[in-house]
Structures are given as structure tokens and as C-alpha cells.
Amino acid sequence: MKSPSPITRALLVTGTAAALVSGLALPAGAEAPEGWSNPEKVDPLHALLVLGGIPLALFILIGLAVYLPSVLRGEGVAPAQAEDHWLGGSDKTAGELQSAQAGRTETDETGGGSGSW
């Protein structure tokens, strides 16, 4: 028996998946039971205020709770500049390193990546 072509197999798999999903979704279209209440329609403006306004208000309140104390103390809200560190490097300061390099020529190599600008 000849096996079906790849297009036929793809259509068969897709059709089976679509039939299963459609069959499982049919009970979702059922009516509400008779004993359940029938709630009133929600005003779209009210829903927008509840679903958008409350999270926005919380966002603003949390932001104020974080930044207001530092602003009242007179500190800035921008992140502070960290001091540069050379981990595992020389104990010399940046000025001492530059003065040590001043007397060297371009042919002197001290190791490292030998990169230049």
C-alpha cells in the first residue's frame, strides 16, 4: 500500500486537530443553568476605570513610596556613579599608571592585549 503524500498527511493532522478543538468547544456555548442569576451588563467606562485605573494608581503610589523619601532627603533619583575598579590589577592609582607609561616608547611591550586606540 502506498503511503499518503506529505500534503495529505498535513491536511489529515490539521483536520483532526480542528475537529477535536471544535468538538471540545461545543459545551462552552451552552446556556446558563436556570438557578443561576443573570448579572447586569457592565458599563465599558466602569470596566476601563477598574481594569486600567486601579493598576495605574498602584503603580504611581509604589513609585512615590520608593522615590519620595530620597527626594525629601535631598538626594537625587538618578543612579549614583560607581567608582572604577580594576579587579585583580595593579595597586597603583590611575595617575601612577599613566606616569609609568610616559617614559615608554611604542616598541616597549609590557604584555596584555597590546591594544591601542
PDB file of N, CA and C in Angstrom:
ATOM      1  N   MET A   1       0.846  -1.173   0.000  1.00  0.00           N
ATOM      2  CA  MET A   1       0.000   0.000   0.000  1.00  0.00           C
ATOM      3  C   MET A   1       0.887   1.231   0.000  1.00  0.00           C
ATOM      4  N   LYS A   2       0.522   2.196  -0.798  1.00  0.00           N
ATOM      5  CA  LYS A   2       1.294   3.419  -0.941  1.00  0.00           C
ATOM      6  C   LYS A   2       0.976   4.369   0.213  1.00  0.00           C
ATOM      7  N   SER A   3       2.028   4.976   0.798  1.00  0.00           N
ATOM      8  CA  SER A   3       1.795   5.914   1.913  1.00  0.00           C
ATOM      9  C   SER A   3       1.296   7.253   1.358  1.00  0.00           C
ATOM     10  N   PRO A   4       0.476   7.962   2.146  1.00  0.00           N
ATOM     11  CA  PRO A   4      -0.053   9.238   1.666  1.00  0.00           C
ATOM     12  C   PRO A   4       1.060  10.280   1.525  1.00  0.00           C
ATOM     13  N   SER A   5       0.826  11.243   0.652  1.00  0.00           N
ATOM     14  CA  SER A   5       1.822  12.294   0.429  1.00  0.00           C
ATOM     15  C   SER A   5       1.927  13.191   1.664  1.00  0.00           C
ATOM     16  N   PRO A   6       2.995  13.952   1.775  1.00  0.00           N
ATOM     17  CA  PRO A   6       3.160  14.836   2.933  1.00  0.00           C
ATOM     18  C   PRO A   6       2.028  15.861   3.051  1.00  0.00           C
ATOM     19  N   ILE A   7       1.516  16.331   1.947  1.00  0.00           N
ATOM     20  CA  ILE A   7       0.413  17.310   1.987  1.00  0.00           C
ATOM     21  C   ILE A   7      -0.848  16.643   2.528  1.00  0.00           C
ATOM     22  N   THR A   8      -1.113  15.415   2.120  1.00  0.00           N
ATOM     23  CA  THR A   8      -2.284  14.697   2.606  1.00  0.00           C
ATOM     24  C   THR A   8      -2.162  14.437   4.107  1.00  0.00           C
ATOM     25  N   ARG A   9      -0.973  14.046   4.540  1.00  0.00           N
ATOM     26  CA  ARG A   9      -0.772  13.826   5.978  1.00  0.00           C
ATOM     27  C   ARG A   9      -0.956  15.110   6.763  1.00  0.00           C
ATOM     28  N   ALA A  10      -0.429  16.232   6.268  1.00  0.00           N
ATOM     29  CA  ALA A  10      -0.560  17.510   6.963  1.00  0.00           C
ATOM     30  C   ALA A  10      -2.026  17.921   7.054  1.00  0.00           C
ATOM     31  N   LEU A  11      -2.790  17.750   5.965  1.00  0.00           N
ATOM     32  CA  LEU A  11      -4.217  18.084   5.985  1.00  0.00           C
ATOM     33  C   LEU A  11      -4.985  17.179   6.937  1.00  0.00           C
ATOM     34  N   LEU A  12      -4.619  15.899   6.988  1.00  0.00           N
ATOM     35  CA  LEU A  12      -5.277  14.959   7.887  1.00  0.00           C
ATOM     36  C   LEU A  12      -5.032  15.327   9.353  1.00  0.00           C
ATOM     37  N   VAL A  13      -3.797  15.648   9.690  1.00  0.00           N
ATOM     38  CA  VAL A  13      -3.463  16.036  11.065  1.00  0.00           C
ATOM     39  C   VAL A  13      -4.158  17.351  11.428  1.00  0.00           C
ATOM     40  N   THR A  14      -4.117  18.322  10.536  1.00  0.00           N
ATOM     41  CA  THR A  14      -4.756  19.616  10.793  1.00  0.00           C
ATOM     42  C   THR A  14      -6.259  19.460  10.939  1.00  0.00           C
ATOM     43  N   GLY A  15      -6.873  18.681  10.063  1.00  0.00           N
ATOM     44  CA  GLY A  15      -8.321  18.466  10.143  1.00  0.00           C
ATOM     45  C   GLY A  15      -8.730  17.756  11.424  1.00  0.00           C
ATOM     46  N   THR A  16      -7.947  16.759  11.826  1.00  0.00           N
ATOM     47  CA  THR A  16      -8.246  16.047  13.067  1.00  0.00           C
ATOM     48  C   THR A  16      -8.137  16.989  14.269  1.00  0.00           C
ATOM     49  N   ALA A  17      -7.083  17.812  14.298  1.00  0.00           N
ATOM     50  CA  ALA A  17      -6.909  18.758  15.406  1.00  0.00           C
ATOM     51  C   ALA A  17      -8.051  19.767  15.434  1.00  0.00           C
ATOM     52  N   ALA A  18      -8.465  20.266  14.272  1.00  0.00           N
ATOM     53  CA  ALA A  18      -9.561  21.236  14.220  1.00  0.00           C
ATOM     54  C   ALA A  18     -10.870  20.599  14.681  1.00  0.00           C
ATOM     55  N   ALA A  19     -11.117  19.351  14.296  1.00  0.00           N
ATOM     56  CA  ALA A  19     -12.345  18.665  14.711  1.00  0.00           C
ATOM     57  C   ALA A  19     -12.355  18.438  16.218  1.00  0.00           C
ATOM     58  N   LEU A  20     -11.221  18.065  16.793  1.00  0.00           N
ATOM     59  CA  LEU A  20     -11.143  17.859  18.245  1.00  0.00           C
ATOM     60  C   LEU A  20     -11.372  19.160  19.005  1.00  0.00           C
ATOM     61  N   VAL A  21     -10.745  20.240  18.557  1.00  0.00           N
ATOM     62  CA  VAL A  21     -10.909  21.526  19.234  1.00  0.00           C
ATOM     63  C   VAL A  21     -12.349  22.003  19.122  1.00  0.00           C
ATOM     64  N   SER A  22     -12.943  21.859  17.957  1.00  0.00           N
ATOM     65  CA  SER A  22     -14.339  22.280  17.775  1.00  0.00           C
ATOM     66  C   SER A  22     -15.275  21.430  18.619  1.00  0.00           C
ATOM     67  N   GLY A  23     -15.013  20.153  18.684  1.00  0.00           N
ATOM     68  CA  GLY A  23     -15.862  19.270  19.484  1.00  0.00           C
ATOM     69  C   GLY A  23     -15.772  19.564  20.970  1.00  0.00           C
ATOM     70  N   LEU A  24     -14.590  19.935  21.431  1.00  0.00           N
ATOM     71  CA  LEU A  24     -14.425  20.249  22.839  1.00  0.00           C
ATOM     72  C   LEU A  24     -14.991  21.623  23.187  1.00  0.00           C
ATOM     73  N   ALA A  25     -15.118  22.507  22.220  1.00  0.00           N
ATOM     74  CA  ALA A  25     -15.605  23.855  22.482  1.00  0.00           C
ATOM     75  C   ALA A  25     -17.129  23.929  22.476  1.00  0.00           C
ATOM     76  N   LEU A  26     -17.810  22.918  21.961  1.00  0.00           N
ATOM     77  CA  LEU A  26     -19.271  22.965  21.894  1.00  0.00           C
ATOM     78  C   LEU A  26     -19.939  23.119  23.260  1.00  0.00           C
ATOM     79  N   PRO A  27     -19.516  22.438  24.312  1.00  0.00           N
ATOM     80  CA  PRO A  27     -20.173  22.640  25.600  1.00  0.00           C
ATOM     81  C   PRO A  27     -20.020  24.062  26.139  1.00  0.00           C
ATOM     82  N   ALA A  28     -19.020  24.807  25.686  1.00  0.00           N
ATOM     83  CA  ALA A  28     -18.824  26.170  26.166  1.00  0.00           C
ATOM     84  C   ALA A  28     -19.937  27.092  25.693  1.00  0.00           C
ATOM     85  N   GLY A  29     -20.638  26.737  24.640  1.00  0.00           N
ATOM     86  CA  GLY A  29     -21.718  27.571  24.133  1.00  0.00           C
ATOM     87  C   GLY A  29     -23.061  27.278  24.796  1.00  0.00           C
ATOM     88  N   ALA A  30     -23.083  26.497  25.834  1.00  0.00           N
ATOM     89  CA  ALA A  30     -24.337  26.120  26.495  1.00  0.00           C
ATOM     90  C   ALA A  30     -24.919  27.308  27.252  1.00  0.00           C
ATOM     91  N   GLU A  31     -26.215  27.249  27.490  1.00  0.00           N
ATOM     92  CA  GLU A  31     -26.907  28.277  28.274  1.00  0.00           C
ATOM     93  C   GLU A  31     -26.573  28.115  29.749  1.00  0.00           C
ATOM     94  N   ALA A  32     -26.726  29.197  30.509  1.00  0.00           N
ATOM     95  CA  ALA A  32     -26.513  29.141  31.953  1.00  0.00           C
ATOM     96  C   ALA A  32     -27.654  28.349  32.585  1.00  0.00           C
ATOM     97  N   PRO A  33     -27.384  27.588  33.631  1.00  0.00           N
ATOM     98  CA  PRO A  33     -28.444  26.842  34.310  1.00  0.00           C
ATOM     99  C   PRO A  33     -29.537  27.778  34.822  1.00  0.00           C
ATOM    100  N   GLU A  34     -30.746  27.246  34.990  1.00  0.00           N
ATOM    101  CA  GLU A  34     -31.895  28.061  35.375  1.00  0.00           C
ATOM    102  C   GLU A  34     -31.758  28.687  36.751  1.00  0.00           C
ATOM    103  N   GLY A  35     -31.066  28.046  37.666  1.00  0.00           N
ATOM    104  CA  GLY A  35     -30.953  28.568  39.019  1.00  0.00           C
ATOM    105  C   GLY A  35     -29.939  29.698  39.169  1.00  0.00           C
ATOM    106  N   TRP A  36     -29.134  29.929  38.171  1.00  0.00           N
ATOM    107  CA  TRP A  36     -28.100  30.948  38.269  1.00  0.00           C
ATOM    108  C   TRP A  36     -28.685  32.322  38.021  1.00  0.00           C
ATOM    109  N   SER A  37     -28.076  33.343  38.633  1.00  0.00           N
ATOM    110  CA  SER A  37     -28.543  34.713  38.411  1.00  0.00           C
ATOM    111  C   SER A  37     -28.059  35.208  37.060  1.00  0.00           C
ATOM    112  N   ASN A  38     -28.729  36.212  36.555  1.00  0.00           N
ATOM    113  CA  ASN A  38     -28.362  36.823  35.289  1.00  0.00           C
ATOM    114  C   ASN A  38     -27.827  38.220  35.598  1.00  0.00           C
ATOM    115  N   PRO A  39     -26.502  38.395  35.695  1.00  0.00           N
ATOM    116  CA  PRO A  39     -25.967  39.698  36.089  1.00  0.00           C
ATOM    117  C   PRO A  39     -26.215  40.756  35.022  1.00  0.00           C
ATOM    118  N   GLU A  40     -26.245  42.004  35.493  1.00  0.00           N
ATOM    119  CA  GLU A  40     -26.458  43.119  34.563  1.00  0.00           C
ATOM    120  C   GLU A  40     -25.200  43.346  33.734  1.00  0.00           C
ATOM    121  N   LYS A  41     -25.350  44.005  32.603  1.00  0.00           N
ATOM    122  CA  LYS A  41     -24.221  44.338  31.743  1.00  0.00           C
ATOM    123  C   LYS A  41     -23.317  45.346  32.454  1.00  0.00           C
ATOM    124  N   VAL A  42     -22.012  45.230  32.245  1.00  0.00           N
ATOM    125  CA  VAL A  42     -21.050  46.135  32.857  1.00  0.00           C
ATOM    126  C   VAL A  42     -20.788  47.288  31.899  1.00  0.00           C
ATOM    127  N   ASP A  43     -20.824  48.515  32.446  1.00  0.00           N
ATOM    128  CA  ASP A  43     -20.542  49.703  31.650  1.00  0.00           C
ATOM    129  C   ASP A  43     -19.070  49.662  31.211  1.00  0.00           C
ATOM    130  N   PRO A  44     -18.777  49.856  29.919  1.00  0.00           N
ATOM    131  CA  PRO A  44     -17.379  49.788  29.453  1.00  0.00           C
ATOM    132  C   PRO A  44     -16.478  50.819  30.131  1.00  0.00           C
ATOM    133  N   LEU A  45     -16.997  52.015  30.421  1.00  0.00           N
ATOM    134  CA  LEU A  45     -16.183  53.028  31.082  1.00  0.00           C
ATOM    135  C   LEU A  45     -15.824  52.580  32.505  1.00  0.00           C
ATOM    136  N   HIS A  46     -16.775  51.992  33.198  1.00  0.00           N
ATOM    137  CA  HIS A  46     -16.516  51.488  34.550  1.00  0.00           C
ATOM    138  C   HIS A  46     -15.479  50.361  34.512  1.00  0.00           C
ATOM    139  N   ALA A  47     -15.605  49.461  33.547  1.00  0.00           N
ATOM    140  CA  ALA A  47     -14.645  48.365  33.415  1.00  0.00           C
ATOM    141  C   ALA A  47     -13.251  48.908  33.103  1.00  0.00           C
ATOM    142  N   LEU A  48     -13.164  49.941  32.240  1.00  0.00           N
ATOM    143  CA  LEU A  48     -11.878  50.541  31.902  1.00  0.00           C
ATOM    144  C   LEU A  48     -11.245  51.191  33.127  1.00  0.00           C
ATOM    145  N   LEU A  49     -12.053  51.879  33.922  1.00  0.00           N
ATOM    146  CA  LEU A  49     -11.527  52.503  35.129  1.00  0.00           C
ATOM    147  C   LEU A  49     -11.046  51.461  36.136  1.00  0.00           C
ATOM    148  N   VAL A  50     -11.794  50.391  36.297  1.00  0.00           N
ATOM    149  CA  VAL A  50     -11.409  49.361  37.262  1.00  0.00           C
ATOM    150  C   VAL A  50     -10.178  48.590  36.776  1.00  0.00           C
ATOM    151  N   LEU A  51     -10.173  48.188  35.509  1.00  0.00           N
ATOM    152  CA  LEU A  51      -9.078  47.358  34.994  1.00  0.00           C
ATOM    153  C   LEU A  51      -7.837  48.160  34.611  1.00  0.00           C
ATOM    154  N   GLY A  52      -7.991  49.457  34.366  1.00  0.00           N
ATOM    155  CA  GLY A  52      -6.847  50.288  33.997  1.00  0.00           C
ATOM    156  C   GLY A  52      -6.477  51.299  35.063  1.00  0.00           C
ATOM    157  N   GLY A  53      -7.469  51.891  35.710  1.00  0.00           N
ATOM    158  CA  GLY A  53      -7.217  52.952  36.681  1.00  0.00           C
ATOM    159  C   GLY A  53      -6.597  52.445  37.966  1.00  0.00           C
ATOM    160  N   ILE A  54      -7.075  51.334  38.476  1.00  0.00           N
ATOM    161  CA  ILE A  54      -6.546  50.809  39.735  1.00  0.00           C
ATOM    162  C   ILE A  54      -5.085  50.378  39.587  1.00  0.00           C
ATOM    163  N   PRO A  55      -4.708  49.621  38.559  1.00  0.00           N
ATOM    164  CA  PRO A  55      -3.279  49.294  38.407  1.00  0.00           C
ATOM    165  C   PRO A  55      -2.411  50.537  38.193  1.00  0.00           C
ATOM    166  N   LEU A  56      -2.906  51.526  37.455  1.00  0.00           N
ATOM    167  CA  LEU A  56      -2.139  52.748  37.241  1.00  0.00           C
ATOM    168  C   LEU A  56      -1.953  53.505  38.556  1.00  0.00           C
ATOM    169  N   ALA A  57      -3.000  53.585  39.368  1.00  0.00           N
ATOM    170  CA  ALA A  57      -2.896  54.250  40.666  1.00  0.00           C
ATOM    171  C   ALA A  57      -1.907  53.512  41.573  1.00  0.00           C
ATOM    172  N   LEU A  58      -1.931  52.186  41.568  1.00  0.00           N
ATOM    173  CA  LEU A  58      -0.975  51.416  42.366  1.00  0.00           C
ATOM    174  C   LEU A  58       0.460  51.633  41.875  1.00  0.00           C
ATOM    175  N   PHE A  59       0.643  51.715  40.583  1.00  0.00           N
ATOM    176  CA  PHE A  59       1.953  51.968  40.005  1.00  0.00           C
ATOM    177  C   PHE A  59       2.492  53.315  40.487  1.00  0.00           C
ATOM    178  N   ILE A  60       1.646  54.329  40.468  1.00  0.00           N
ATOM    179  CA  ILE A  60       2.056  55.663  40.906  1.00  0.00           C
ATOM    180  C   ILE A  60       2.351  55.671  42.408  1.00  0.00           C
ATOM    181  N   LEU A  61       1.506  55.035  43.215  1.00  0.00           N
ATOM    182  CA  LEU A  61       1.721  55.007  44.661  1.00  0.00           C
ATOM    183  C   LEU A  61       3.012  54.277  45.025  1.00  0.00           C
ATOM    184  N   ILE A  62       3.302  53.172  44.371  1.00  0.00           N
ATOM    185  CA  ILE A  62       4.537  52.434  44.650  1.00  0.00           C
ATOM    186  C   ILE A  62       5.756  53.259  44.225  1.00  0.00           C
ATOM    187  N   GLY A  63       5.651  53.919  43.088  1.00  0.00           N
ATOM    188  CA  GLY A  63       6.744  54.792  42.643  1.00  0.00           C
ATOM    189  C   GLY A  63       7.003  55.923  43.620  1.00  0.00           C
ATOM    190  N   LEU A  64       5.938  56.530  44.130  1.00  0.00           N
ATOM    191  CA  LEU A  64       6.102  57.587  45.129  1.00  0.00           C
ATOM    192  C   LEU A  64       6.696  57.041  46.419  1.00  0.00           C
ATOM    193  N   ALA A  65       6.267  55.859  46.841  1.00  0.00           N
ATOM    194  CA  ALA A  65       6.794  55.262  48.068  1.00  0.00           C
ATOM    195  C   ALA A  65       8.281  54.955  47.945  1.00  0.00           C
ATOM    196  N   VAL A  66       8.756  54.687  46.733  1.00  0.00           N
ATOM    197  CA  VAL A  66      10.167  54.365  46.537  1.00  0.00           C
ATOM    198  C   VAL A  66      11.007  55.645  46.425  1.00  0.00           C
ATOM    199  N   TYR A  67      10.564  56.623  45.639  1.00  0.00           N
ATOM    200  CA  TYR A  67      11.375  57.798  45.342  1.00  0.00           C
ATOM    201  C   TYR A  67      11.164  58.974  46.290  1.00  0.00           C
ATOM    202  N   LEU A  68      10.015  59.103  46.907  1.00  0.00           N
ATOM    203  CA  LEU A  68       9.721  60.268  47.737  1.00  0.00           C
ATOM    204  C   LEU A  68      10.663  60.411  48.934  1.00  0.00           C
ATOM    205  N   PRO A  69      10.996  59.348  49.672  1.00  0.00           N
ATOM    206  CA  PRO A  69      11.915  59.533  50.801  1.00  0.00           C
ATOM    207  C   PRO A  69      13.284  60.085  50.390  1.00  0.00           C
ATOM    208  N   SER A  70      13.843  59.598  49.291  1.00  0.00           N
ATOM    209  CA  SER A  70      15.152  60.099  48.870  1.00  0.00           C
ATOM    210  C   SER A  70      15.058  61.534  48.366  1.00  0.00           C
ATOM    211  N   VAL A  71      13.955  61.896  47.728  1.00  0.00           N
ATOM    212  CA  VAL A  71      13.779  63.274  47.267  1.00  0.00           C
ATOM    213  C   VAL A  71      13.639  64.207  48.464  1.00  0.00           C
ATOM    214  N   LEU A  72      12.929  63.793  49.501  1.00  0.00           N
ATOM    215  CA  LEU A  72      12.765  64.624  50.691  1.00  0.00           C
ATOM    216  C   LEU A  72      14.083  64.796  51.445  1.00  0.00           C
ATOM    217  N   ARG A  73      14.981  63.819  51.364  1.00  0.00           N
ATOM    218  CA  ARG A  73      16.295  63.943  51.996  1.00  0.00           C
ATOM    219  C   ARG A  73      17.239  64.784  51.163  1.00  0.00           C
ATOM    220  N   GLY A  74      16.840  65.146  49.963  1.00  0.00           N
ATOM    221  CA  GLY A  74      17.683  65.970  49.099  1.00  0.00           C
ATOM    222  C   GLY A  74      18.583  65.175  48.185  1.00  0.00           C
ATOM    223  N   GLU A  75      18.411  63.886  48.134  1.00  0.00           N
ATOM    224  CA  GLU A  75      19.212  63.055  47.241  1.00  0.00           C
ATOM    225  C   GLU A  75      18.579  63.057  45.858  1.00  0.00           C
ATOM    226  N   GLY A  76      19.357  62.762  44.850  1.00  0.00           N
ATOM    227  CA  GLY A  76      18.828  62.672  43.501  1.00  0.00           C
ATOM    228  C   GLY A  76      18.169  61.328  43.261  1.00  0.00           C
ATOM    229  N   VAL A  77      17.372  61.261  42.232  1.00  0.00           N
ATOM    230  CA  VAL A  77      16.721  59.997  41.903  1.00  0.00           C
ATOM    231  C   VAL A  77      17.501  59.229  40.845  1.00  0.00           C
ATOM    232  N   ALA A  78      18.505  59.863  40.244  1.00  0.00           N
ATOM    233  CA  ALA A  78      19.333  59.177  39.253  1.00  0.00           C
ATOM    234  C   ALA A  78      20.298  58.237  39.969  1.00  0.00           C
ATOM    235  N   PRO A  79      20.661  57.128  39.349  1.00  0.00           N
ATOM    236  CA  PRO A  79      21.612  56.220  39.996  1.00  0.00           C
ATOM    237  C   PRO A  79      22.970  56.885  40.168  1.00  0.00           C
ATOM    238  N   ALA A  80      23.630  56.603  41.271  1.00  0.00           N
ATOM    239  CA  ALA A  80      24.935  57.189  41.565  1.00  0.00           C
ATOM    240  C   ALA A  80      25.998  56.558  40.672  1.00  0.00           C
ATOM    241  N   GLN A  81      27.022  57.345  40.371  1.00  0.00           N
ATOM    242  CA  GLN A  81      28.131  56.825  39.574  1.00  0.00           C
ATOM    243  C   GLN A  81      29.029  55.990  40.467  1.00  0.00           C
ATOM    244  N   ALA A  82      29.309  54.801  40.054  1.00  0.00           N
ATOM    245  CA  ALA A  82      30.179  53.916  40.819  1.00  0.00           C
ATOM    246  C   ALA A  82      31.638  54.246  40.517  1.00  0.00           C
ATOM    247  N   GLU A  83      32.491  54.027  41.510  1.00  0.00           N
ATOM    248  CA  GLU A  83      33.912  54.252  41.324  1.00  0.00           C
ATOM    249  C   GLU A  83      34.480  53.111  40.479  1.00  0.00           C
ATOM    250  N   ASP A  84      35.404  53.452  39.580  1.00  0.00           N
ATOM    251  CA  ASP A  84      36.014  52.435  38.737  1.00  0.00           C
ATOM    252  C   ASP A  84      36.924  51.533  39.562  1.00  0.00           C
ATOM    253  N   HIS A  85      36.907  50.236  39.267  1.00  0.00           N
ATOM    254  CA  HIS A  85      37.745  49.271  39.964  1.00  0.00           C
ATOM    255  C   HIS A  85      38.430  48.379  38.943  1.00  0.00           C
ATOM    256  N   TRP A  86      39.669  48.057  39.235  1.00  0.00           N
ATOM    257  CA  TRP A  86      40.415  47.129  38.400  1.00  0.00           C
ATOM    258  C   TRP A  86      40.606  45.875  39.226  1.00  0.00           C
ATOM    259  N   LEU A  87      39.754  44.885  39.028  1.00  0.00           N
ATOM    260  CA  LEU A  87      39.785  43.683  39.836  1.00  0.00           C
ATOM    261  C   LEU A  87      40.976  42.819  39.438  1.00  0.00           C
ATOM    262  N   GLY A  88      41.816  42.525  40.422  1.00  0.00           N
ATOM    263  CA  GLY A  88      42.975  41.690  40.161  1.00  0.00           C
ATOM    264  C   GLY A  88      44.104  42.430  39.483  1.00  0.00           C
ATOM    265  N   GLY A  89      44.003  43.747  39.374  1.00  0.00           N
ATOM    266  CA  GLY A  89      45.037  44.523  38.690  1.00  0.00           C
ATOM    267  C   GLY A  89      46.031  45.126  39.657  1.00  0.00           C
ATOM    268  N   SER A  90      46.723  46.144  39.208  1.00  0.00           N
ATOM    269  CA  SER A  90      47.765  46.809  39.985  1.00  0.00           C
ATOM    270  C   SER A  90      47.162  47.595  41.141  1.00  0.00           C
ATOM    271  N   ASP A  91      47.960  47.783  42.204  1.00  0.00           N
ATOM    272  CA  ASP A  91      47.523  48.584  43.336  1.00  0.00           C
ATOM    273  C   ASP A  91      47.769  50.066  43.103  1.00  0.00           C
ATOM    274  N   LYS A  92      48.392  50.417  42.003  1.00  0.00           N
ATOM    275  CA  LYS A  92      48.685  51.814  41.707  1.00  0.00           C
ATOM    276  C   LYS A  92      47.395  52.542  41.323  1.00  0.00           C
ATOM    277  N   THR A  93      47.390  53.845  41.561  1.00  0.00           N
ATOM    278  CA  THR A  93      46.243  54.656  41.140  1.00  0.00           C
ATOM    279  C   THR A  93      46.370  54.939  39.654  1.00  0.00           C
ATOM    280  N   ALA A  94      45.332  55.533  39.080  1.00  0.00           N
ATOM    281  CA  ALA A  94      45.350  55.813  37.645  1.00  0.00           C
ATOM    282  C   ALA A  94      46.468  56.785  37.294  1.00  0.00           C
ATOM    283  N   GLY A  95      46.754  57.770  38.153  1.00  0.00           N
ATOM    284  CA  GLY A  95      47.839  58.718  37.897  1.00  0.00           C
ATOM    285  C   GLY A  95      49.197  58.050  37.887  1.00  0.00           C
ATOM    286  N   GLU A  96      49.416  57.103  38.799  1.00  0.00           N
ATOM    287  CA  GLU A  96      50.690  56.397  38.845  1.00  0.00           C
ATOM    288  C   GLU A  96      50.878  55.522  37.614  1.00  0.00           C
ATOM    289  N   LEU A  97      49.808  54.923  37.122  1.00  0.00           N
ATOM    290  CA  LEU A  97      49.917  54.100  35.920  1.00  0.00           C
ATOM    291  C   LEU A  97      50.246  54.951  34.706  1.00  0.00           C
ATOM    292  N   GLN A  98      49.666  56.129  34.609  1.00  0.00           N
ATOM    293  CA  GLN A  98      49.937  56.989  33.458  1.00  0.00           C
ATOM    294  C   GLN A  98      51.365  57.511  33.494  1.00  0.00           C
ATOM    295  N   SER A  99      51.868  57.870  34.695  1.00  0.00           N
ATOM    296  CA  SER A  99      53.234  58.374  34.768  1.00  0.00           C
ATOM    297  C   SER A  99      54.238  57.275  34.438  1.00  0.00           C
ATOM    298  N   ALA A 100      53.925  56.046  34.766  1.00  0.00           N
ATOM    299  CA  ALA A 100      54.824  54.942  34.445  1.00  0.00           C
ATOM    300  C   ALA A 100      54.871  54.710  32.935  1.00  0.00           C
ATOM    301  N   GLN A 101      53.798  54.989  32.251  1.00  0.00           N
ATOM    302  CA  GLN A 101      53.738  54.789  30.811  1.00  0.00           C
ATOM    303  C   GLN A 101      54.370  55.956  30.048  1.00  0.00           C
ATOM    304  N   ALA A 102      54.560  57.109  30.688  1.00  0.00           N
ATOM    305  CA  ALA A 102      55.014  58.303  29.984  1.00  0.00           C
ATOM    306  C   ALA A 102      56.405  58.136  29.389  1.00  0.00           C
ATOM    307  N   GLY A 103      57.316  57.410  30.072  1.00  0.00           N
ATOM    308  CA  GLY A 103      58.685  57.284  29.580  1.00  0.00           C
ATOM    309  C   GLY A 103      58.875  56.153  28.602  1.00  0.00           C
ATOM    310  N   ARG A 104      57.851  55.445  28.258  1.00  0.00           N
ATOM    311  CA  ARG A 104      57.999  54.277  27.379  1.00  0.00           C
ATOM    312  C   ARG A 104      57.847  54.680  25.910  1.00  0.00           C
ATOM    313  N   THR A 105      58.401  53.866  25.058  1.00  0.00           N
ATOM    314  CA  THR A 105      58.219  54.071  23.621  1.00  0.00           C
ATOM    315  C   THR A 105      57.220  53.060  23.108  1.00  0.00           C
ATOM    316  N   GLU A 106      56.839  53.207  21.870  1.00  0.00           N
ATOM    317  CA  GLU A 106      55.832  52.306  21.303  1.00  0.00           C
ATOM    318  C   GLU A 106      56.368  50.888  21.123  1.00  0.00           C
ATOM    319  N   THR A 107      57.680  50.726  21.071  1.00  0.00           N
ATOM    320  CA  THR A 107      58.240  49.386  20.879  1.00  0.00           C
ATOM    321  C   THR A 107      58.280  48.603  22.178  1.00  0.00           C
ATOM    322  N   ASP A 108      58.190  49.296  23.330  1.00  0.00           N
ATOM    323  CA  ASP A 108      58.163  48.587  24.612  1.00  0.00           C
ATOM    324  C   ASP A 108      56.823  47.887  24.759  1.00  0.00           C
ATOM    325  N   GLU A 109      56.884  46.600  25.032  1.00  0.00           N
ATOM    326  CA  GLU A 109      55.667  45.860  25.264  1.00  0.00           C
ATOM    327  C   GLU A 109      55.704  45.285  26.672  1.00  0.00           C
ATOM    328  N   THR A 110      54.617  45.485  27.400  1.00  0.00           N
ATOM    329  CA  THR A 110      54.582  45.009  28.774  1.00  0.00           C
ATOM    330  C   THR A 110      53.607  43.857  28.931  1.00  0.00           C
ATOM    331  N   GLY A 111      53.170  43.261  27.871  1.00  0.00           N
ATOM    332  CA  GLY A 111      52.230  42.147  27.954  1.00  0.00           C
ATOM    333  C   GLY A 111      50.801  42.629  27.800  1.00  0.00           C
ATOM    334  N   GLY A 112      49.885  41.752  28.061  1.00  0.00           N
ATOM    335  CA  GLY A 112      48.477  42.120  27.927  1.00  0.00           C
ATOM    336  C   GLY A 112      48.028  41.989  26.494  1.00  0.00           C
ATOM    337  N   GLY A 113      46.953  42.656  26.180  1.00  0.00           N
ATOM    338  CA  GLY A 113      46.362  42.543  24.862  1.00  0.00           C
ATOM    339  C   GLY A 113      47.035  43.420  23.827  1.00  0.00           C
ATOM    340  N   SER A 114      47.907  44.332  24.250  1.00  0.00           N
ATOM    341  CA  SER A 114      48.609  45.248  23.358  1.00  0.00           C
ATOM    342  C   SER A 114      47.640  46.029  22.492  1.00  0.00           C
ATOM    343  N   GLY A 115      46.478  46.352  23.018  1.00  0.00           N
ATOM    344  CA  GLY A 115      45.509  47.124  22.246  1.00  0.00           C
ATOM    345  C   GLY A 115      45.851  48.592  22.276  1.00  0.00           C
ATOM    346  N   SER A 116      45.383  49.308  21.286  1.00  0.00           N
ATOM    347  CA  SER A 116      45.601  50.764  21.249  1.00  0.00           C
ATOM    348  C   SER A 116      44.355  51.415  20.678  1.00  0.00           C
ATOM    349  N   TRP A 117      44.245  52.696  20.897  1.00  0.00           N
ATOM    350  CA  TRP A 117      43.074  53.441  20.409  1.00  0.00           C
ATOM    351  C   TRP A 117      43.348  54.001  19.051  1.00  0.00           C
TER     352      TRP A 117
END
